[in-house]
Protein backbone atom coordinates (compact mmCIF):
# COMPACT_ATOMS: atom_id res chain seq x y z
CA MET A 1 -3.45 -11.27 17.98
CA ILE A 2 0.22 -11.80 18.69
CA VAL A 3 3.14 -10.05 16.98
CA LYS A 4 6.85 -10.46 17.60
CA MET A 5 9.42 -7.70 18.11
CA THR A 6 12.75 -8.15 16.28
CA SER A 7 16.20 -7.47 17.73
CA LYS A 8 15.93 -4.00 16.15
CA ARG A 9 12.68 -3.37 18.08
CA GLN A 10 10.58 -3.59 14.90
CA VAL A 11 7.11 -5.10 14.75
CA THR A 12 5.19 -6.21 11.68
CA PHE A 13 1.44 -5.71 11.90
CA PRO A 14 -0.85 -8.19 10.16
CA ARG A 15 -2.46 -6.89 6.93
CA GLU A 16 -5.96 -7.08 8.47
CA VAL A 17 -4.89 -4.50 11.09
CA THR A 18 -3.18 -2.11 8.67
CA ASP A 19 -6.09 -2.36 6.22
CA LYS A 20 -8.69 -1.73 8.93
CA LEU A 21 -6.80 1.39 10.12
CA SER A 22 -5.93 2.50 6.55
CA LEU A 23 -2.24 2.56 7.47
CA LYS A 24 0.33 3.15 4.75
CA LYS A 25 4.12 3.22 4.55
CA GLY A 26 5.42 6.27 6.40
CA ASP A 27 2.36 6.73 8.64
CA VAL A 28 3.04 7.75 12.22
CA LEU A 29 1.62 5.76 15.14
CA HIS A 30 0.95 7.08 18.62
CA LEU A 31 1.85 4.72 21.49
CA SER A 32 0.38 5.14 24.97
CA ALA A 33 1.12 3.10 28.08
CA THR A 34 -2.15 2.17 29.80
CA PRO A 35 -2.93 0.07 32.87
CA ASP A 36 -3.99 -2.72 30.48
CA GLY A 37 -0.93 -2.56 28.23
CA ILE A 38 0.09 -0.54 25.18
CA LEU A 39 -2.46 1.37 23.12
CA ILE A 40 -1.42 1.98 19.50
CA ARG A 41 -3.33 4.52 17.41
CA PRO A 42 -2.68 6.19 14.07
CA HIS A 43 -1.49 9.76 14.65
CA ARG A 44 -3.85 11.72 12.43
CA PHE A 45 -4.51 15.38 11.82
CA ASP A 46 -7.67 16.48 13.66
CA PRO A 47 -9.65 18.97 11.51
CA GLU A 48 -11.67 20.00 14.60
CA LYS A 49 -8.55 21.72 15.95
CA LEU A 50 -9.05 24.29 13.18
CA ALA A 51 -12.47 25.33 14.56
CA PRO A 52 -11.14 28.54 16.21
CA LEU A 53 -10.05 29.71 12.73
CA ARG A 54 -13.48 29.13 11.18
CA ASP A 55 -14.50 32.82 11.19
CA LYS A 56 -11.04 33.98 10.08
CA ILE A 57 -10.90 32.02 6.80
CA ASN A 58 -12.59 33.33 3.68
CA ARG A 59 -15.60 31.11 2.89
CA ASP A 60 -14.52 30.94 -0.77
CA THR A 61 -11.24 29.27 0.17
CA PRO A 62 -11.32 25.63 -0.99
CA ALA A 63 -11.24 22.92 1.68
CA PRO A 64 -7.75 21.50 2.37
CA ASP A 65 -6.83 18.10 0.97
CA PHE A 66 -6.17 16.30 4.26
CA GLU A 67 -4.83 13.18 2.51
CA THR A 68 -2.11 15.28 0.84
CA ILE A 69 -1.32 17.05 4.12
CA ARG A 70 -1.18 13.74 5.99
CA HIS A 71 1.52 12.34 3.69
CA ALA A 72 3.40 15.57 2.96
CA SER A 73 6.12 14.96 5.55
CA SER A 74 6.84 11.46 4.25
CA ASN A 75 7.39 12.89 0.74
CA ASP A 76 9.60 15.82 1.79
CA PRO A 77 13.09 14.69 2.86
CA SER A 78 13.76 18.06 4.57
CA LEU A 79 10.97 17.30 7.08
CA ARG A 80 12.29 13.91 8.13
CA HIS A 81 13.95 13.46 11.52
């Protein structure tokens, strides 16, 4: 698959790619330089990083809504860079 970078360094990804990765407007992508080229991955919250807190959270506390957390920064202008 080939995409073209504009003069403003912007790239448009084909719909099949954004649909497959469930990407939406405002999502953050992680870029890594590899020996084979550039690796692009969605930057997502990893719930496993909360494992050390497992015994410190009351079991009756409802599970967090990760979808809301994921998009919170894109909806709050004070959190934008």
